[in-house]
Amino acid sequence: MRRPVAVRVVGPVQWIVYPALITVAVTMILATPVKLFGFSLPEPVIPLVLAFAWPLIRPSWVAPMVLMGVGLFLDIFWGGQGLLGMWALALLAVYAVVLGARSFLIGQDTAVLFIWYASCCGLAFSICYAIASFKIGNMPSILALLGQVVPTLLLFPFANTMIERFDDGDVRFR
């Protein structure tokens, strides 16, 4: 006799809404003017984790809308002087690239995913650097850019955990 198998249904609230709210909250916490050992807290672009993981978990029309909202939040929160939409464009570009390569990336080793994550971070920061350079008329500091790129790259384990946790969360999509 077969036993019934419990189906774990993971909806958009678990893999889109909660991570987006956590991302916004952690971004606000890391922006507090606290100094530890003479250094300020790092300000990684945490939504890049979501832009990389969401198309690999499950393509959706909700995820790009939430990414656009989170990107606009970043622009307003970080005081983008006339650069409204810059981070939204960068996040949507990463989402589009990963969505296009989804069939290749599904089931790949963690090292391959990290290389793609690093490449996508490079793409997003290149887009923002170019937009900021053209809009401001001056090239931003490379050291400040690296101060944001390195902590963002160190967030890859969170993207990998999200992918592993939610990838098989709903057996209806196998």
Protein backbone atom coordinates (compact mmCIF):
# COMPACT_ATOMS: atom_id res chain seq x y z
CA MET A 1 0.00 0.00 0.00
CA ARG A 2 1.33 3.43 -0.95
CA ARG A 3 1.50 6.18 1.56
CA PRO A 4 0.32 9.61 0.57
CA VAL A 5 3.09 12.02 -0.27
CA ALA A 6 2.82 15.48 1.20
CA VAL A 7 3.24 18.15 -1.43
CA ARG A 8 5.05 21.23 -0.23
CA VAL A 9 3.62 24.11 -2.19
CA VAL A 10 5.84 27.16 -2.24
CA GLY A 11 4.02 30.24 -3.40
CA PRO A 12 5.25 33.65 -4.43
CA VAL A 13 4.97 34.92 -0.88
CA GLN A 14 7.71 32.54 0.30
CA TRP A 15 10.19 33.00 -2.55
CA ILE A 16 9.44 36.55 -3.71
CA VAL A 17 7.72 38.71 -1.09
CA TYR A 18 9.57 37.63 2.07
CA PRO A 19 13.05 37.79 0.49
CA ALA A 20 12.28 41.21 -1.00
CA LEU A 21 11.14 42.57 2.37
CA ILE A 22 14.21 41.09 4.07
CA THR A 23 16.40 42.68 1.40
CA VAL A 24 14.88 46.11 1.99
CA ALA A 25 15.18 45.75 5.77
CA VAL A 26 18.83 44.63 5.68
CA THR A 27 19.68 47.43 3.23
CA MET A 28 18.22 49.95 5.66
CA ILE A 29 20.06 48.40 8.61
CA LEU A 30 23.41 48.41 6.79
CA ALA A 31 22.92 52.08 5.88
CA THR A 32 22.91 53.15 9.51
CA PRO A 33 25.82 55.44 10.40
CA VAL A 34 27.54 52.96 12.72
CA LYS A 35 31.31 52.59 12.80
CA LEU A 36 33.00 49.39 13.89
CA PHE A 37 36.75 49.64 14.48
CA GLY A 38 36.75 52.91 12.54
CA PHE A 39 35.02 51.45 9.48
CA SER A 40 31.44 52.01 8.38
CA LEU A 41 29.20 49.09 7.63
CA PRO A 42 29.40 47.71 4.07
CA GLU A 43 26.60 48.58 1.69
CA PRO A 44 26.26 45.64 -0.68
CA VAL A 45 23.58 45.61 -3.33
CA ILE A 46 21.58 42.83 -1.74
CA PRO A 47 18.83 42.74 -4.41
CA LEU A 48 21.40 41.36 -6.88
CA VAL A 49 21.03 38.08 -4.98
CA LEU A 50 17.34 38.10 -5.82
CA ALA A 51 17.88 39.15 -9.44
CA PHE A 52 20.22 36.19 -9.87
CA ALA A 53 18.24 33.56 -7.94
CA TRP A 54 14.65 34.25 -8.96
CA PRO A 55 14.87 33.33 -12.66
CA LEU A 56 16.63 30.10 -11.70
CA ILE A 57 14.01 29.21 -9.12
CA ARG A 58 10.98 29.81 -11.32
CA PRO A 59 10.37 32.37 -14.07
CA SER A 60 7.55 34.66 -13.12
CA TRP A 61 6.06 37.96 -14.18
CA VAL A 62 5.85 39.07 -10.55
CA ALA A 63 9.61 38.87 -9.89
CA PRO A 64 10.65 41.55 -12.42
CA MET A 65 7.98 43.89 -11.07
CA VAL A 66 9.23 43.42 -7.52
CA LEU A 67 12.84 43.87 -8.72
CA MET A 68 11.87 47.13 -10.38
CA GLY A 69 10.25 48.32 -7.16
CA VAL A 70 13.26 47.30 -5.08
CA GLY A 71 15.58 48.99 -7.59
CA LEU A 72 13.57 52.22 -7.38
CA PHE A 73 13.71 51.93 -3.59
CA LEU A 74 17.52 51.68 -3.79
CA ASP A 75 17.68 54.73 -6.03
CA ILE A 76 15.56 56.80 -3.66
CA PHE A 77 17.10 55.44 -0.46
CA TRP A 78 20.70 55.94 -1.55
CA GLY A 79 19.85 59.41 -2.86
CA GLY A 80 20.53 58.92 -6.55
CA GLN A 81 20.84 62.54 -7.62
CA GLY A 82 18.66 62.43 -10.68
CA LEU A 83 19.48 58.77 -11.28
CA LEU A 84 16.03 57.36 -10.62
CA GLY A 85 15.71 53.99 -12.35
CA MET A 86 19.42 53.20 -12.50
CA TRP A 87 19.36 50.25 -10.09
CA ALA A 88 16.01 49.08 -11.42
CA LEU A 89 17.54 48.88 -14.91
CA ALA A 90 20.62 47.06 -13.60
CA LEU A 91 18.56 44.52 -11.64
CA LEU A 92 16.25 43.87 -14.59
CA ALA A 93 19.27 43.42 -16.88
CA VAL A 94 20.69 40.77 -14.54
CA TYR A 95 17.29 39.08 -14.35
CA ALA A 96 17.03 39.03 -18.16
CA VAL A 97 20.54 37.61 -18.64
CA VAL A 98 20.01 34.84 -16.08
CA LEU A 99 16.56 34.09 -17.49
CA GLY A 100 18.09 33.75 -20.95
CA ALA A 101 20.73 31.36 -19.64
CA ARG A 102 18.34 29.48 -17.35
CA SER A 103 18.34 26.24 -19.33
CA PHE A 104 22.15 26.17 -19.13
CA LEU A 105 22.40 27.13 -15.46
CA ILE A 106 19.83 24.72 -14.02
CA GLY A 107 21.67 21.91 -12.26
CA GLN A 108 25.13 23.41 -12.66
CA ASP A 109 27.84 23.14 -10.02
CA THR A 110 28.19 25.87 -7.40
CA ALA A 111 31.46 27.09 -8.94
CA VAL A 112 29.76 27.69 -12.29
CA LEU A 113 26.92 29.53 -10.56
CA PHE A 114 29.43 31.71 -8.71
CA ILE A 115 31.17 32.64 -11.96
CA TRP A 116 27.81 33.60 -13.44
CA TYR A 117 26.90 35.52 -10.28
CA ALA A 118 30.19 37.43 -10.40
CA SER A 119 29.65 38.17 -14.11
CA CYS A 120 26.12 39.40 -13.43
CA CYS A 121 27.41 41.62 -10.60
CA GLY A 122 29.97 43.00 -13.02
CA LEU A 123 27.21 43.68 -15.55
CA ALA A 124 25.01 45.45 -13.01
CA PHE A 125 27.82 47.59 -11.63
CA SER A 126 29.04 48.41 -15.15
CA ILE A 127 25.58 49.61 -16.12
CA CYS A 128 25.32 51.77 -12.99
CA TYR A 129 28.86 53.10 -13.38
CA ALA A 130 28.21 54.09 -16.99
CA ILE A 131 24.87 55.74 -16.18
CA ALA A 132 26.35 57.62 -13.22
CA SER A 133 29.36 58.73 -15.29
CA PHE A 134 27.18 60.10 -18.09
CA LYS A 135 24.58 61.69 -15.82
CA ILE A 136 26.99 63.30 -13.35
CA GLY A 137 29.60 64.16 -15.95
CA ASN A 138 32.41 62.78 -13.82
CA MET A 139 33.66 59.25 -13.25
CA PRO A 140 32.81 57.92 -9.76
CA SER A 141 35.54 56.60 -7.49
CA ILE A 142 36.76 53.12 -8.36
CA LEU A 143 37.64 52.44 -4.70
CA ALA A 144 34.10 53.28 -3.63
CA LEU A 145 32.81 50.98 -6.37
CA LEU A 146 35.03 48.14 -5.17
CA GLY A 147 33.81 48.80 -1.64
CA GLN A 148 30.36 47.91 -2.87
CA VAL A 149 31.27 45.16 -5.36
CA VAL A 150 33.27 42.98 -2.95
CA PRO A 151 30.54 42.73 -0.25
CA THR A 152 27.99 42.05 -2.98
CA LEU A 153 30.10 39.17 -4.30
CA LEU A 154 30.35 37.79 -0.78
CA LEU A 155 26.55 37.41 -0.75
CA PHE A 156 26.66 34.53 -3.23
CA PRO A 157 26.03 31.86 -0.54
CA PHE A 158 22.63 33.45 0.06
CA ALA A 159 21.76 33.19 -3.64
CA ASN A 160 22.93 29.59 -3.73
CA THR A 161 20.92 28.76 -0.60
CA MET A 162 17.79 30.32 -2.12
CA ILE A 163 18.25 28.35 -5.32
CA GLU A 164 18.74 25.07 -3.46
CA ARG A 165 15.89 25.71 -1.04
CA PHE A 166 13.20 26.81 -3.46
CA ASP A 167 14.21 25.03 -6.68
CA ASP A 168 12.36 21.84 -5.80
CA GLY A 169 9.85 23.50 -3.52
CA ASP A 170 6.85 22.68 -5.66
CA VAL A 171 6.62 19.31 -7.35
CA ARG A 172 3.93 20.61 -9.71
CA PHE A 173 6.61 22.35 -11.79
CA ARG A 174 8.87 19.33 -12.38
